[in-house]
Amino acid sequence: MSLLHQERDRFRTGLKCSRCGAEGHAEWEENSGVSSQGPMGTLIAISENFTQAAARNAQGQPRIVCKACGALHPD
């Protein structure tokens, strides 16, 4: 029995803190989830100016927080 490996699309989104202006990016990989806003992704990397919060948003996606000032990045 052989297993098929299906590549998932990866994409990068820009991040900019609305409070202090810090900039960075997040890298995502598509997963099988879909929300009212479209396909969902799994966070696989985040630039050093931001971090992943322990809490998730209403769609179950990770929340992103600015390390410099603690502001929550909008969904």
Protein backbone atom coordinates (compact mmCIF):
# COMPACT_ATOMS: atom_id res chain seq x y z
CA MET A 1 0.00 0.00 0.00
CA SER A 2 1.44 3.36 -0.96
CA LEU A 3 0.64 6.68 0.58
CA LEU A 4 0.15 9.70 -1.63
CA HIS A 5 1.85 12.86 -0.47
CA GLN A 6 -0.06 15.94 -1.47
CA GLU A 7 1.80 19.24 -1.32
CA ARG A 8 -0.08 21.96 0.49
CA ASP A 9 0.12 25.53 -0.70
CA ARG A 10 2.19 27.87 1.44
CA PHE A 11 1.69 31.58 1.53
CA ARG A 12 3.01 34.62 3.36
CA THR A 13 1.01 37.49 4.79
CA GLY A 14 2.41 40.85 5.78
CA LEU A 15 1.94 42.06 9.35
CA LYS A 16 1.97 45.65 10.56
CA CYS A 17 1.14 46.67 14.11
CA SER A 18 -1.61 49.27 14.17
CA ARG A 19 -0.30 50.67 17.47
CA CYS A 20 3.48 51.01 17.06
CA GLY A 21 4.06 50.30 13.36
CA ALA A 22 6.29 47.23 13.78
CA GLU A 23 6.35 45.18 10.58
CA GLY A 24 6.88 41.52 9.81
CA HIS A 25 5.23 38.53 8.20
CA ALA A 26 3.55 35.22 8.93
CA GLU A 27 3.94 32.06 6.85
CA TRP A 28 0.96 29.77 6.48
CA GLU A 29 0.21 26.37 5.01
CA GLU A 30 -3.25 25.57 3.70
CA ASN A 31 -5.23 23.03 5.66
CA SER A 32 -8.59 21.43 4.96
CA GLY A 33 -10.59 23.92 7.03
CA VAL A 34 -12.83 26.53 5.47
CA SER A 35 -14.42 29.54 7.16
CA SER A 36 -16.85 32.16 5.93
CA GLN A 37 -13.76 34.17 4.93
CA GLY A 38 -12.32 31.38 2.74
CA PRO A 39 -9.72 28.60 3.18
CA MET A 40 -7.98 28.37 6.51
CA GLY A 41 -4.28 27.91 7.11
CA THR A 42 -1.91 26.57 9.70
CA LEU A 43 0.64 29.06 11.02
CA ILE A 44 4.09 27.58 10.34
CA ALA A 45 6.41 30.57 10.96
CA ILE A 46 6.24 34.14 12.19
CA SER A 47 8.82 36.93 12.01
CA GLU A 48 10.72 38.00 15.11
CA ASN A 49 8.67 41.18 15.73
CA PHE A 50 5.53 39.15 16.47
CA THR A 51 4.49 36.12 18.47
CA GLN A 52 1.58 33.72 18.59
CA ALA A 53 -0.89 34.29 21.44
CA ALA A 54 -2.17 31.39 23.50
CA ALA A 55 -5.78 32.23 22.59
CA ARG A 56 -7.33 31.63 19.17
CA ASN A 57 -9.90 33.68 17.25
CA ALA A 58 -13.54 32.66 16.72
CA GLN A 59 -12.57 30.57 13.64
CA GLY A 60 -9.91 28.68 15.63
CA GLN A 61 -6.98 30.43 13.97
CA PRO A 62 -3.95 31.59 16.01
CA ARG A 63 -3.94 35.18 17.28
CA ILE A 64 -0.82 37.20 16.51
CA VAL A 65 0.62 39.72 18.97
CA CYS A 66 3.21 42.47 18.48
CA LYS A 67 6.25 41.82 20.70
CA ALA A 68 7.13 45.52 20.92
CA CYS A 69 3.88 46.84 22.36
CA GLY A 70 1.61 43.83 23.00
CA ALA A 71 -1.09 44.88 20.52
CA LEU A 72 -3.23 42.11 19.10
CA HIS A 73 -3.09 41.93 15.30
CA PRO A 74 -6.59 42.10 13.76
CA ASP A 75 -7.91 38.88 12.19
